[in-house]
Amino acid sequence: MPSRSFRLAAAVALALVGLRWIVNTNPWSGPTVLHLAEGHGVHLNDWVTLVCWAAAAMLVWPRLAAVRLAQPVTSRSVDHSRSPR
């Protein structure tokens, strides 16, 4: 497991990459949802930013990420303890 300072530095870097993508370099701009400045805005397909921010959150809170990824989907799980034998 990387050190806490490394994880925080990587999370900040991912957050900044996401912010730079959303403001300056989105080549697949879709409809603008929020105008930040003339010629810059938040678009519907800014998924790269969301992926970067999600990765940053998982780096900052690895225990939460491990719990979320390890939880089974309970709505689809079957209770086998009540099945007749």
N, C-alpha and C. Protein backbone atom coordinates (compact mmCIF):
# COMPACT_ATOMS: atom_id res chain seq x y z
N MET A 1 0.85 -1.17 0.00
CA MET A 1 0.00 0.00 0.00
C MET A 1 0.89 1.24 0.00
N PRO A 2 0.67 2.15 -0.93
CA PRO A 2 1.48 3.39 -0.98
C PRO A 2 1.26 4.23 0.28
N SER A 3 2.21 5.07 0.58
CA SER A 3 2.11 5.93 1.76
C SER A 3 0.99 6.94 1.59
N ARG A 4 0.55 7.48 2.72
CA ARG A 4 -0.56 8.44 2.70
C ARG A 4 -0.19 9.69 1.90
N SER A 5 1.04 10.17 2.05
CA SER A 5 1.44 11.38 1.33
C SER A 5 1.47 11.14 -0.18
N PHE A 6 1.89 9.94 -0.59
CA PHE A 6 1.88 9.62 -2.02
C PHE A 6 0.45 9.56 -2.54
N ARG A 7 -0.45 8.93 -1.77
CA ARG A 7 -1.84 8.84 -2.19
C ARG A 7 -2.48 10.22 -2.30
N LEU A 8 -2.19 11.10 -1.35
CA LEU A 8 -2.75 12.46 -1.41
C LEU A 8 -2.19 13.23 -2.60
N ALA A 9 -0.90 13.10 -2.87
CA ALA A 9 -0.30 13.78 -4.02
C ALA A 9 -0.90 13.27 -5.33
N ALA A 10 -1.09 11.96 -5.43
CA ALA A 10 -1.70 11.39 -6.64
C ALA A 10 -3.15 11.84 -6.78
N ALA A 11 -3.87 11.92 -5.66
CA ALA A 11 -5.26 12.37 -5.70
C ALA A 11 -5.36 13.83 -6.16
N VAL A 12 -4.47 14.67 -5.66
CA VAL A 12 -4.46 16.08 -6.08
C VAL A 12 -4.13 16.17 -7.57
N ALA A 13 -3.17 15.38 -8.02
CA ALA A 13 -2.81 15.39 -9.44
C ALA A 13 -3.99 14.96 -10.31
N LEU A 14 -4.69 13.90 -9.91
CA LEU A 14 -5.86 13.45 -10.67
C LEU A 14 -6.97 14.50 -10.66
N ALA A 15 -7.18 15.15 -9.52
CA ALA A 15 -8.20 16.19 -9.45
C ALA A 15 -7.86 17.36 -10.37
N LEU A 16 -6.58 17.74 -10.40
CA LEU A 16 -6.17 18.84 -11.28
C LEU A 16 -6.26 18.45 -12.75
N VAL A 17 -5.90 17.21 -13.08
CA VAL A 17 -6.04 16.74 -14.47
C VAL A 17 -7.51 16.80 -14.87
N GLY A 18 -8.39 16.35 -13.98
CA GLY A 18 -9.82 16.41 -14.27
C GLY A 18 -10.31 17.83 -14.45
N LEU A 19 -9.84 18.74 -13.60
CA LEU A 19 -10.24 20.14 -13.72
C LEU A 19 -9.71 20.76 -15.01
N ARG A 20 -8.47 20.44 -15.36
CA ARG A 20 -7.91 20.98 -16.61
C ARG A 20 -8.69 20.46 -17.81
N TRP A 21 -9.04 19.18 -17.79
CA TRP A 21 -9.81 18.59 -18.88
C TRP A 21 -11.15 19.30 -19.03
N ILE A 22 -11.83 19.52 -17.92
CA ILE A 22 -13.18 20.08 -17.98
C ILE A 22 -13.15 21.54 -18.46
N VAL A 23 -12.07 22.27 -18.16
CA VAL A 23 -12.03 23.69 -18.51
C VAL A 23 -11.40 23.93 -19.88
N ASN A 24 -10.32 23.23 -20.21
CA ASN A 24 -9.53 23.62 -21.38
C ASN A 24 -9.53 22.65 -22.55
N THR A 25 -9.42 21.36 -22.32
CA THR A 25 -9.00 20.48 -23.41
C THR A 25 -9.99 19.41 -23.79
N ASN A 26 -11.26 19.61 -23.60
CA ASN A 26 -12.23 18.58 -23.95
C ASN A 26 -12.50 18.62 -25.45
N PRO A 27 -11.94 17.67 -26.23
CA PRO A 27 -12.15 17.69 -27.68
C PRO A 27 -13.51 17.15 -28.10
N TRP A 28 -14.22 16.47 -27.18
CA TRP A 28 -15.52 15.88 -27.53
C TRP A 28 -16.65 16.66 -26.87
N SER A 29 -16.58 17.97 -26.91
CA SER A 29 -17.57 18.79 -26.22
C SER A 29 -18.97 18.50 -26.72
N GLY A 30 -19.83 18.28 -25.77
CA GLY A 30 -21.25 18.08 -26.07
C GLY A 30 -22.00 19.34 -25.69
N PRO A 31 -23.30 19.22 -25.44
CA PRO A 31 -24.07 20.39 -25.01
C PRO A 31 -23.53 20.94 -23.69
N THR A 32 -23.43 22.25 -23.59
CA THR A 32 -22.90 22.89 -22.39
C THR A 32 -23.95 22.89 -21.29
N VAL A 33 -23.55 22.42 -20.11
CA VAL A 33 -24.45 22.38 -18.96
C VAL A 33 -24.24 23.61 -18.09
N LEU A 34 -22.99 24.05 -17.94
CA LEU A 34 -22.66 25.17 -17.07
C LEU A 34 -21.58 26.00 -17.74
N HIS A 35 -21.82 27.28 -17.93
CA HIS A 35 -20.82 28.17 -18.53
C HIS A 35 -19.91 28.71 -17.44
N LEU A 36 -18.61 28.47 -17.57
CA LEU A 36 -17.64 28.98 -16.60
C LEU A 36 -17.06 30.31 -17.05
N ALA A 37 -16.83 30.46 -18.33
CA ALA A 37 -16.31 31.69 -18.91
C ALA A 37 -16.64 31.64 -20.40
N GLU A 38 -16.34 32.70 -21.10
CA GLU A 38 -16.57 32.72 -22.54
C GLU A 38 -15.74 31.64 -23.21
N GLY A 39 -16.39 30.69 -23.83
CA GLY A 39 -15.69 29.61 -24.51
C GLY A 39 -15.35 28.42 -23.63
N HIS A 40 -15.64 28.49 -22.34
CA HIS A 40 -15.35 27.38 -21.43
C HIS A 40 -16.62 27.02 -20.67
N GLY A 41 -16.80 25.74 -20.44
CA GLY A 41 -17.96 25.31 -19.68
C GLY A 41 -17.91 23.83 -19.35
N VAL A 42 -18.90 23.39 -18.61
CA VAL A 42 -19.04 21.98 -18.26
C VAL A 42 -19.99 21.36 -19.28
N HIS A 43 -19.58 20.25 -19.87
CA HIS A 43 -20.36 19.60 -20.91
C HIS A 43 -20.94 18.28 -20.42
N LEU A 44 -21.94 17.80 -21.09
CA LEU A 44 -22.60 16.56 -20.69
C LEU A 44 -21.67 15.35 -20.73
N ASN A 45 -20.72 15.35 -21.62
CA ASN A 45 -19.86 14.18 -21.77
C ASN A 45 -18.47 14.39 -21.19
N ASP A 46 -18.39 15.07 -20.07
CA ASP A 46 -17.10 15.25 -19.39
C ASP A 46 -16.82 14.07 -18.47
N TRP A 47 -16.93 12.88 -18.99
CA TRP A 47 -16.75 11.67 -18.19
C TRP A 47 -15.30 11.49 -17.75
N VAL A 48 -14.36 12.03 -18.51
CA VAL A 48 -12.95 11.90 -18.12
C VAL A 48 -12.72 12.57 -16.77
N THR A 49 -13.33 13.73 -16.58
CA THR A 49 -13.20 14.43 -15.31
C THR A 49 -13.79 13.61 -14.19
N LEU A 50 -14.97 13.04 -14.41
CA LEU A 50 -15.60 12.24 -13.36
C LEU A 50 -14.77 11.01 -13.01
N VAL A 51 -14.16 10.39 -14.01
CA VAL A 51 -13.30 9.22 -13.76
C VAL A 51 -12.07 9.64 -12.96
N CYS A 52 -11.47 10.76 -13.33
CA CYS A 52 -10.29 11.24 -12.59
C CYS A 52 -10.64 11.56 -11.14
N TRP A 53 -11.78 12.22 -10.93
CA TRP A 53 -12.19 12.57 -9.57
C TRP A 53 -12.56 11.33 -8.76
N ALA A 54 -13.17 10.34 -9.39
CA ALA A 54 -13.49 9.09 -8.68
C ALA A 54 -12.21 8.35 -8.29
N ALA A 55 -11.24 8.32 -9.18
CA ALA A 55 -9.96 7.68 -8.86
C ALA A 55 -9.25 8.43 -7.74
N ALA A 56 -9.34 9.75 -7.74
CA ALA A 56 -8.74 10.54 -6.67
C ALA A 56 -9.41 10.23 -5.33
N ALA A 57 -10.73 10.11 -5.33
CA ALA A 57 -11.44 9.79 -4.10
C ALA A 57 -11.06 8.40 -3.58
N MET A 58 -10.89 7.45 -4.49
CA MET A 58 -10.51 6.10 -4.07
C MET A 58 -9.07 6.07 -3.55
N LEU A 59 -8.23 6.97 -4.01
CA LEU A 59 -6.87 7.05 -3.47
C LEU A 59 -6.86 7.66 -2.08
N VAL A 60 -7.69 8.68 -1.87
CA VAL A 60 -7.73 9.35 -0.58
C VAL A 60 -8.39 8.46 0.47
N TRP A 61 -9.45 7.77 0.10
CA TRP A 61 -10.19 6.92 1.03
C TRP A 61 -10.16 5.47 0.56
N PRO A 62 -9.01 4.79 0.66
CA PRO A 62 -8.91 3.43 0.12
C PRO A 62 -9.80 2.43 0.87
N ARG A 63 -10.02 2.65 2.15
CA ARG A 63 -10.86 1.72 2.91
C ARG A 63 -12.31 1.79 2.43
N LEU A 64 -12.79 2.99 2.15
CA LEU A 64 -14.15 3.15 1.63
C LEU A 64 -14.26 2.51 0.25
N ALA A 65 -13.24 2.69 -0.58
CA ALA A 65 -13.26 2.09 -1.92
C ALA A 65 -13.26 0.58 -1.83
N ALA A 66 -12.48 0.02 -0.90
CA ALA A 66 -12.44 -1.44 -0.76
C ALA A 66 -13.77 -1.98 -0.27
N VAL A 67 -14.42 -1.27 0.62
CA VAL A 67 -15.73 -1.70 1.12
C VAL A 67 -16.76 -1.63 0.01
N ARG A 68 -16.77 -0.56 -0.74
CA ARG A 68 -17.75 -0.40 -1.81
C ARG A 68 -17.56 -1.45 -2.91
N LEU A 69 -16.32 -1.74 -3.24
CA LEU A 69 -16.06 -2.72 -4.30
C LEU A 69 -16.32 -4.14 -3.84
N ALA A 70 -16.19 -4.40 -2.53
CA ALA A 70 -16.35 -5.76 -2.03
C ALA A 70 -17.80 -6.10 -1.69
N GLN A 71 -18.67 -5.09 -1.58
CA GLN A 71 -20.06 -5.37 -1.21
C GLN A 71 -20.78 -6.08 -2.34
N PRO A 72 -21.49 -7.17 -2.02
CA PRO A 72 -22.26 -7.85 -3.06
C PRO A 72 -23.51 -7.05 -3.41
N VAL A 73 -24.04 -7.29 -4.56
CA VAL A 73 -25.29 -6.65 -4.97
C VAL A 73 -26.41 -7.40 -4.27
N THR A 74 -26.99 -6.79 -3.24
CA THR A 74 -27.97 -7.49 -2.41
C THR A 74 -29.31 -7.64 -3.09
N SER A 75 -29.63 -6.79 -4.02
CA SER A 75 -30.94 -6.91 -4.67
C SER A 75 -31.01 -8.14 -5.57
N ARG A 76 -29.87 -8.64 -6.02
CA ARG A 76 -29.86 -9.81 -6.89
C ARG A 76 -29.47 -11.09 -6.15
N SER A 77 -29.02 -10.94 -4.91
CA SER A 77 -28.57 -12.13 -4.20
C SER A 77 -29.76 -12.98 -3.77
N VAL A 78 -29.55 -14.27 -3.69
CA VAL A 78 -30.60 -15.21 -3.35
C VAL A 78 -30.31 -15.76 -1.96
N ASP A 79 -31.35 -15.84 -1.14
CA ASP A 79 -31.21 -16.38 0.20
C ASP A 79 -31.36 -17.89 0.13
N HIS A 80 -30.24 -18.61 0.19
CA HIS A 80 -30.27 -20.07 0.09
C HIS A 80 -30.54 -20.74 1.43
N SER A 81 -30.57 -19.98 2.51
CA SER A 81 -30.78 -20.59 3.81
C SER A 81 -32.21 -21.09 3.99
N ARG A 82 -33.16 -20.59 3.24
CA ARG A 82 -34.56 -20.99 3.37
C ARG A 82 -34.99 -22.01 2.34
N SER A 83 -34.10 -22.42 1.49
CA SER A 83 -34.49 -23.37 0.45
C SER A 83 -34.69 -24.76 1.05
N PRO A 84 -35.71 -25.49 0.59
CA PRO A 84 -35.96 -26.83 1.13
C PRO A 84 -34.88 -27.80 0.69
N ARG A 85 -34.58 -28.75 1.53
CA ARG A 85 -33.56 -29.75 1.21
C ARG A 85 -34.14 -31.11 1.14
